[in-house]
Amino acid sequence: MDSGLTLTETALEWYPFKAMQAHDVLDHAQPRLMSRVEYDRLVSAGMFENERVELIRGIVVRMSPNGPAHADPIDVLTRHFVRAMGDRAVVRVQLPFAASDDSEPEPDLALVPPRRYADRHPHQAFLIIEVADSSLDHDRETKAPLYASSGVPEYWIVDVKARRVSVYDTITAGRYARVREFPIGERVVPSAFADAAVDVADLFV
């Protein structure tokens, strides 16, 4: 007797399944990771034009949206460090950092050695800062080990929701061995530039 079901519907009735997601694939297959050189070639070819992405441990990942709560502390820090640095460091805002052979993050702010970077992205930094609104876990658990292994001596996370700054420093065995928390009412002093202290209260409204 004709049940009115098509062959496909009958198959679905006997073999229910869900749409395959990326994590389902990774459960059964080894991903092909990308090198920074390969990533840069794709960027130069316009592959990721109009997309906010970065290369982290061989994987191209989407960056968090730039909402007002995320953008405002970046504006404040940019103005502060541009005035404070002079010719001692280049202040780079959301630009590539050559962290390793398989990683090219775009930190919210980086103080890098003074020179022109027309031929290559910087691979050294005095200080890197990430502003975390929705990205706190990623900035803490993925970015901190990455920057430490890249030799960045000091890393700040501006925690928008907690209204504080976490300072990571003292690299030991490729990881930051010390983390300090600075709430509103305190000042954060970059280890490389003692005259460029930041009032935590200035970062939040």
Protein backbone atom coordinates (compact mmCIF):
# COMPACT_ATOMS: atom_id res chain seq x y z
CA MET A 1 0.00 0.00 0.00
CA ASP A 2 1.24 3.44 -0.90
CA SER A 3 1.91 5.32 2.35
CA GLY A 4 2.29 8.63 0.54
CA LEU A 5 5.91 8.93 1.66
CA THR A 6 8.69 9.52 -0.80
CA LEU A 7 11.76 7.30 -0.84
CA THR A 8 13.78 10.03 0.93
CA GLU A 9 11.15 10.50 3.63
CA THR A 10 10.98 6.76 4.21
CA ALA A 11 14.76 6.64 4.61
CA LEU A 12 14.64 9.48 7.10
CA GLU A 13 11.96 7.67 9.08
CA TRP A 14 14.22 4.64 9.47
CA TYR A 15 17.56 6.56 9.81
CA PRO A 16 17.11 9.82 11.65
CA PHE A 17 20.12 12.14 11.58
CA LYS A 18 21.07 15.72 12.30
CA ALA A 19 22.82 18.18 10.04
CA MET A 20 26.56 17.69 10.26
CA GLN A 21 28.47 20.47 12.02
CA ALA A 22 32.17 21.32 11.95
CA HIS A 23 32.80 19.68 15.32
CA ASP A 24 31.23 16.46 14.00
CA VAL A 25 33.79 16.37 11.20
CA LEU A 26 36.66 17.00 13.60
CA ASP A 27 35.53 14.06 15.73
CA HIS A 28 36.50 11.76 12.87
CA ALA A 29 39.10 13.60 10.80
CA GLN A 30 42.36 15.47 11.19
CA PRO A 31 42.11 19.12 10.04
CA ARG A 32 44.65 20.50 7.60
CA LEU A 33 46.16 23.48 9.44
CA MET A 34 47.42 26.58 7.66
CA SER A 35 50.81 28.24 8.01
CA ARG A 36 51.18 31.97 8.46
CA VAL A 37 52.89 32.23 5.07
CA GLU A 38 49.93 30.52 3.38
CA TYR A 39 47.49 32.72 5.28
CA ASP A 40 49.32 35.89 4.21
CA ARG A 41 49.19 34.78 0.59
CA LEU A 42 45.42 34.32 0.82
CA VAL A 43 45.05 37.72 2.47
CA SER A 44 47.12 39.33 -0.31
CA ALA A 45 44.89 37.62 -2.88
CA GLY A 46 41.81 39.18 -1.26
CA MET A 47 40.47 35.90 0.09
CA PHE A 48 39.22 37.37 3.38
CA GLU A 49 38.26 40.82 2.14
CA ASN A 50 35.49 42.40 4.24
CA GLU A 51 35.87 39.68 6.88
CA ARG A 52 37.28 40.15 10.38
CA VAL A 53 39.42 37.05 10.83
CA GLU A 54 42.78 36.10 12.28
CA LEU A 55 45.01 33.03 12.17
CA ILE A 56 45.31 31.21 15.51
CA ARG A 57 47.32 27.97 15.72
CA GLY A 58 46.77 27.24 12.05
CA ILE A 59 43.02 27.90 12.13
CA VAL A 60 41.29 30.92 10.60
CA VAL A 61 38.88 32.20 13.24
CA ARG A 62 36.32 34.99 13.23
CA MET A 63 37.01 37.96 15.48
CA SER A 64 34.44 39.32 17.92
CA PRO A 65 32.25 42.20 16.69
CA ASN A 66 33.37 45.72 17.57
CA GLY A 67 30.50 46.98 19.70
CA PRO A 68 30.70 50.35 21.50
CA ALA A 69 31.66 48.77 24.85
CA HIS A 70 34.59 47.06 23.11
CA ALA A 71 35.63 49.98 20.92
CA ASP A 72 35.63 52.72 23.56
CA PRO A 73 38.51 51.39 25.70
CA ILE A 74 40.51 50.87 22.52
CA ASP A 75 40.00 54.54 21.64
CA VAL A 76 41.09 55.61 25.13
CA LEU A 77 44.19 53.40 25.10
CA THR A 78 45.14 54.48 21.59
CA ARG A 79 45.04 58.18 22.45
CA HIS A 80 46.94 57.57 25.66
CA PHE A 81 49.77 55.55 24.17
CA VAL A 82 50.17 57.63 21.02
CA ARG A 83 50.76 60.66 23.26
CA ALA A 84 53.00 58.76 25.68
CA MET A 85 55.19 56.79 23.28
CA GLY A 86 56.52 59.43 20.94
CA ASP A 87 59.27 57.71 18.95
CA ARG A 88 59.88 54.98 21.52
CA ALA A 89 57.31 52.55 20.11
CA VAL A 90 54.82 52.20 17.27
CA VAL A 91 51.21 51.97 18.43
CA ARG A 92 49.34 49.47 16.26
CA VAL A 93 45.57 49.09 16.55
CA GLN A 94 43.87 45.87 15.40
CA LEU A 95 46.71 45.07 12.98
CA PRO A 96 48.49 41.75 12.35
CA PHE A 97 51.16 40.47 14.70
CA ALA A 98 53.43 37.64 13.47
CA ALA A 99 53.19 35.56 16.63
CA SER A 100 54.51 32.27 15.23
CA ASP A 101 54.71 30.19 12.06
CA ASP A 102 51.05 29.22 12.47
CA SER A 103 49.53 32.31 14.13
CA GLU A 104 48.84 35.87 13.07
CA PRO A 105 46.44 37.45 15.56
CA GLU A 106 45.27 41.05 15.30
CA PRO A 107 45.43 42.35 18.87
CA ASP A 108 43.36 45.35 19.82
CA LEU A 109 46.52 47.28 20.61
CA ALA A 110 50.22 46.50 20.41
CA LEU A 111 53.28 48.56 21.29
CA VAL A 112 56.01 47.35 18.96
CA PRO A 113 59.61 48.40 18.26
CA PRO A 114 59.88 51.68 16.31
CA ARG A 115 60.39 51.09 12.59
CA ARG A 116 58.37 50.92 9.38
CA TYR A 117 56.50 47.66 8.78
CA ALA A 118 55.87 47.91 5.06
CA ASP A 119 57.80 44.70 4.31
CA ARG A 120 56.54 42.43 7.10
CA HIS A 121 54.36 42.39 10.18
CA PRO A 122 56.07 42.85 13.57
CA HIS A 123 57.04 39.72 15.47
CA GLN A 124 58.10 41.48 18.67
CA ALA A 125 56.14 43.69 21.05
CA PHE A 126 56.73 45.51 24.31
CA LEU A 127 53.08 45.12 25.26
CA ILE A 128 49.95 43.61 23.74
CA ILE A 129 46.44 44.50 24.90
CA GLU A 130 43.16 42.75 24.17
CA VAL A 131 39.81 44.27 25.16
CA ALA A 132 37.40 41.53 26.20
CA ASP A 133 33.66 42.10 26.05
CA SER A 134 32.40 38.74 24.71
CA SER A 135 35.85 37.19 24.11
CA LEU A 136 37.22 36.85 27.66
CA ASP A 137 37.68 33.07 27.63
CA HIS A 138 39.40 33.18 24.22
CA ASP A 139 41.68 36.05 25.27
CA ARG A 140 42.57 34.30 28.53
CA GLU A 141 42.84 30.66 27.49
CA THR A 142 44.05 30.92 23.87
CA LYS A 143 45.65 34.33 23.39
CA ALA A 144 47.62 34.43 26.67
CA PRO A 145 49.55 31.18 26.00
CA LEU A 146 50.08 32.26 22.38
CA TYR A 147 51.57 35.64 23.29
CA ALA A 148 53.70 34.11 26.05
CA SER A 149 55.12 31.48 23.70
CA SER A 150 55.83 34.29 21.21
CA GLY A 151 57.98 36.07 23.78
CA VAL A 152 55.69 39.06 24.40
CA PRO A 153 56.86 40.13 27.89
CA GLU A 154 53.61 41.75 28.98
CA TYR A 155 49.97 41.15 28.05
CA TRP A 156 46.91 43.03 29.31
CA ILE A 157 43.27 41.97 29.13
CA VAL A 158 40.80 44.81 29.62
CA ASP A 159 37.75 43.04 31.04
CA VAL A 160 34.78 45.22 30.08
CA LYS A 161 32.18 43.36 32.16
CA ALA A 162 34.30 43.11 35.34
CA ARG A 163 35.70 46.65 34.79
CA ARG A 164 39.27 45.69 35.52
CA VAL A 165 42.60 45.02 33.80
CA SER A 166 44.42 41.70 34.09
CA VAL A 167 48.18 41.95 33.62
CA TYR A 168 50.13 38.86 32.54
CA ASP A 169 53.94 38.84 32.74
CA THR A 170 57.02 36.90 33.88
CA ILE A 171 57.36 34.25 31.19
CA THR A 172 58.45 30.84 32.47
CA ALA A 173 58.66 27.79 30.19
CA GLY A 174 56.68 29.59 27.50
CA ARG A 175 53.80 30.65 29.76
CA TYR A 176 53.00 33.68 31.89
CA ALA A 177 53.81 32.82 35.50
CA ARG A 178 52.19 35.88 37.07
CA VAL A 179 48.73 37.43 36.69
CA ARG A 180 47.70 40.59 38.56
CA GLU A 181 44.27 42.20 38.69
CA PHE A 182 43.79 45.98 38.65
CA PRO A 183 40.27 47.23 39.44
CA ILE A 184 38.91 50.76 39.11
CA GLY A 185 40.84 53.07 41.42
CA GLU A 186 44.24 51.61 40.54
CA ARG A 187 46.82 52.42 37.88
CA VAL A 188 48.51 49.97 35.51
CA VAL A 189 52.13 50.69 34.65
CA PRO A 190 53.66 49.10 31.52
CA SER A 191 56.92 47.45 32.53
CA ALA A 192 58.75 48.87 29.51
CA PHE A 193 57.44 52.42 29.95
CA ALA A 194 57.09 53.45 33.59
CA ASP A 195 55.98 56.96 32.60
CA ALA A 196 52.95 55.69 30.63
CA ALA A 197 50.69 54.50 33.47
CA VAL A 198 47.00 53.99 32.70
CA ASP A 199 44.22 54.83 35.18
CA VAL A 200 41.82 51.89 35.06
CA ALA A 201 38.88 54.22 35.73
CA ASP A 202 39.61 56.05 32.46
CA LEU A 203 38.84 52.89 30.48
CA PHE A 204 35.21 52.62 31.53
CA VAL A 205 32.22 54.96 31.62
